[in-house]
Amino acid sequence: MTMWIPQLEGRPGPIWKAMVDALTDDVTTGNLQRGTRLPTHRELADKLGVAIGTVTRAYSEARERGLISGEVGRGTFVSSGDNEDPFMRDAAIDSTVIDLSRNRVFCPGGEKPLNHTLRDLSQWKDASSLIDEYMPSAGTLQHRIAAANWIGNIALKVDPDQLLICCGAQHAITVALAGIANPGDLILTEQLTYPGLKAVAGQLHLQMHGLPMGDDGLLPGAFEEACRTRSPKALYCIPTLQNPTGTVMSDLRRREIASIAKTYNVAIVEDDLYRFLTPDAPPPISSYAPELSFYITSTSKAMALGLRIGYLVAPRSAVARMATAIRTTVWEASPVMAEIASRWIEDGTAERIILAKRAEVAARYSMARQILGDYIGNSEQIACHIFLQLPEPWRGNDFVAEAKSRNVIVNAADVFAVGRTIVPHAIRICLGSPQSRNQVQSGLEIIKEMLDSYPQPGEMII
């Protein structure tokens, strides 16, 4: 096998960063196939004539971006994709596989609101304006008013002039961070966080630092210390039904986080996608620091996966900057989708879907408690995902591999880890993805059987 040598010529920045960029390009273009063994730190350092520490830093960054993985005793490999962000892989087509790795909320019932809405749109005399004209990059005023009314009912009062329409929450995260930070800037987040954030940070060449968490979410003391010593540009967090841990931050802690952010002038990017499932959750952090906050929610989780509309609420001083970021990435979110979302908000369809999803999540969570019992602890917080601490001697990746061999797909905590922190031996189980409760039940019963047993010993190494 030919040793991989990164092409560094003409790449800006420090050598370690150029190495990561070269690796990214080679994986993206197919020059490096998934599963390819990479040279050791010393081999690559000798070949490039650089310090071993330079290669170590490059490999560490590449591992954080999900490009590579390491196996003790075997070496470093281009990531196979088995542990990648579930939002970024194709849907499983094997009906025998029970996929509990994707955080969606299936909506039961026979109502087909899109059919009715498309029929109404076809009879609307101004429908062609949605595709015949360029709209404002932030979205039309009518669409922004509808979104502001919806957010006002479930979270916080919003001025439509401070609301921008994006192509889903992932795009809103990208827009917010692109408008807040420059390449090389530091972003803080929870120690375990949404993998899509890591993808965005890698794309924008931002540094990340994970903050330790407790039962009530990220620790204010750790946030304050990081603000004081590291000069971060922003904090990204998920206070309500945190992904992956499922915690709901208390109102007191939200106020503390907002106060610290104001003291150090650190922007807050608040991901509030799951609030629709917890109407009694405390007010968003954004309500306590509106001058620094970038509040994000989406129709995809709450209404329908394919309805790729995200809503970004920004400080008034940052709205123009956010609109520029939208214009330079997609020009504008789809006016047709924004119109569908607005009609569903205005005619009550959105509320009906949300109520149905809440009931379905409650039923599935109750099923999980009955099957898994003490394994999921004493939390009474109903959520669409469960963060399950594994009993000894199970390790996260071993459990994921064994479950996969039994046609059940879950994610290990490693997928959500930021940096080279010590990762808990835990898995995230998503209850909302399968279309039938019977599939959920079957998957949970297989997981319970595994939890009650011991992992099979692997191949001995001598």
Foldseek 3Di string as FASTA:
>chain_A
DDADAFDQPPPDDDPLVSRLVSLVVCDVVVVFDFFAFHDALVVRCVVVVHDSVSPVVSVQLCVLLVQWDADPPPHITGHNCQFAQPVPDDDDPDPLFQEQADFAAFFDDDDDVVVVVVVVLVVDPCNCVLPPDQDQQQADLLLLVLVQVVCVVQFNHADSLQKGKAQAQLRLLLLVCVLQDAAAAEEEEAQFARLSNSNSCVVRNYAYDHAYADLQGGDLVSVLVCLVPPVHQAYEYEQALTPPAGHHHAPVVLLSNLVSCVVSVHAYEYEHAFSLLPSPGDHHSCVNNVQRYWYKYACCRQPNVPLRMMMIGHHSVRRVSSSVSSCVPPNHHRSVSSVSVSVCSVVVVSVVRSVSSNVSQVVLVVLLCVLQPPQQPDDPRRDQKGKGQADPPAAQVLLQVVLVVVSYHWHASSNRGRGPDDGGRIIMGGRRPDNDSVSSNVSSNVSNVDSVDHGDDDDDDD
